[in-house]
Amino acid sequence: MRGALIVLDGWGLGDHDGRDAVQAAETPTFDRLRETGAFGTLRTHGRRVGLPEGQMGNSEVGHLNIGAGRVVRQAYTRIVDSIDDGSFRDNDALNDALSYADDHDGAVHLLGLVSDGGVHSDISHFQALIELAADRGVEAVTHAFTDGRDTAPKSGAGHLETIAETAADHDTGGVATVSGRYYAMDRDENWERTNRAYDAIVNREADHEADTAVAAVEDSYARGDTDEFIEPTLVADQPALADGDAIIFVNFRADRARQLVRTLADIEPEWSVETSPPETKLVTMTQYDKTFGLDVAYPPEQPANTLGEVVADAGLDQLRLAESEKYPHVTYFLNGGREIEFDGERREIIKSPDVPTYDHQPEMHAERVTDTAIDNIEPDDPELLVVNYANPDMVGHTGNYEAAITAVETVDEQLGRLAETIQAAGGHLIVTADHGNADDMGTDADPHTAHTFNPAPVIYISPDGDDGGQTIRDGGALCDLAPTLLKLMALPTPEEMTGDSLLDDA
């Protein structure tokens, strides 16, 4: 083995003011590696990862930057820039959707996460689309997915009020359905959740109905459900999706949009629905999956010569390993947002636990991830290992402080097992994170469920178990990890990688 990258997803380094599960947890492995190896921190947000300044990072963005070895301008930034410079209004795919609806006397239905979290979507994009539809004389109907995961758990009412006001200002349709992202944005093949959101949108069938979108949220709070878990709810006097309508799926992040899009577009649906979707034109803001064959408003700008590609071109084997919750990140996103499996690239997926939320099982299947990695490690195979431990992020999103501590301690234990095996195989090891989460859990009264702006750790451990005479320079970012790994693996860094090695000879 030449090199290994272990991503502790959601493990940030905070100032320890308040409920910081990373600080509160017993982490003897991490503490030992930090002391014996070369240690530093990385920026994971804003312009350093290709996002608008002040926007927190996320797993998709993080793994894109890690694999690309350069700052990748994110779709979020591209959309914001196009709204600002006016080119948004001339976007061919968006205007084709509006023309289709107009030609068929239909409406345009805007689906997505109505949130200012900036991880999957941004509420300003909904507002721009409502304004564009109104200017084109097309009724705009919103099917709102509420957040509460990348935003405060009870922030949804304010966001829906903003959409209602925007629609009223432009004399166009309002919000037709409200569904928590737990249902509308499942990505782990819990198709019964997806089906409930589908039934509300297509069939106007749901267990709940409210007079307004804000009332739908307030009623949910009264039932004890926060934004993420709002059961699909109909808003009175609003239309269902019908033949001749257009759909614009507003999320710019793909992974949590795919299941519902597959069902709405009737693309080999995994879950049997009682009613087939109507004949519509469906446009996605970004490319969710190139095999879908749908029009895309902002096609991908895919970086060439990513980490995995360079390793493959050198004729070396590599292994990517994660639980199903993070499997796309160590494959699709790490490969530059491309649906490609390089020569010599092997993949192992461990199905995440079947629980309502991961605070019910904060250990998740980290032990199975480690077992699988260890079983696959030999001195000369794979030459590159990439492993993601999902626990700090997935449990951090629940807001459960005690469970997050357990999640961090679980990962620390598994990190110790895996680091020992990597060292025995002669591999250079880098331990890092893609963003923070468990490092700020808020308070009991006001739990924090979103990512953080705290820096990510980066630790280098030589095959001898020490710092190898290296130090980690200041000012690093996620884009510097690939050049660092390639240097350690004695492979050339392609000119497209504008990141720099983090290592300096001590």
Foldseek 3Di string as FASTA:
>chain_A
DQAEEEAAAFQFDDPLDAQFLNVPFDQVLVVLLPVFAFKDWAFQDDVLQQAHPPAFHHLLSLLLLLFQLARDNALNNVCVVCVVVVVLLVQPQLVVQLVLLVVLVHAEEEEEELDCLSHFFHVVLVLVSLQSSLVVVHAYEYAYAYECFSDFQAPRLVSQVVQQVSCVVSVHYHYFKYAALLQCQDQQPPVVSNQQSVCCQAVVDFPAEDQGPSVQQVVCVVVVHTRNGRGMYGHPPDDHDAASHEYEHRTSDQRRNPLNCCQQLVPVHPDDHPDHHHHYQYEYQEDNDVVSVHHYRDYDPFRPDTLVQLCLVVVAAEEEFEEPVCQCSSPCSSRRNDPDAGVRYYYDYHHWDPDSACLVPLLTVLVVRLVVLLVQDALRPHSYYYYYQCRLQRNLSVLDSVSNSVNSNSNSVSVVSNVVSCLVSQYKYKYKHSFHGSRAQDDPVTGDNHTDSGIMMITIAGSVGGHQQKHFDPDHHSSQNSQQSCVSSVTDDDPSNPHHHRIDRD
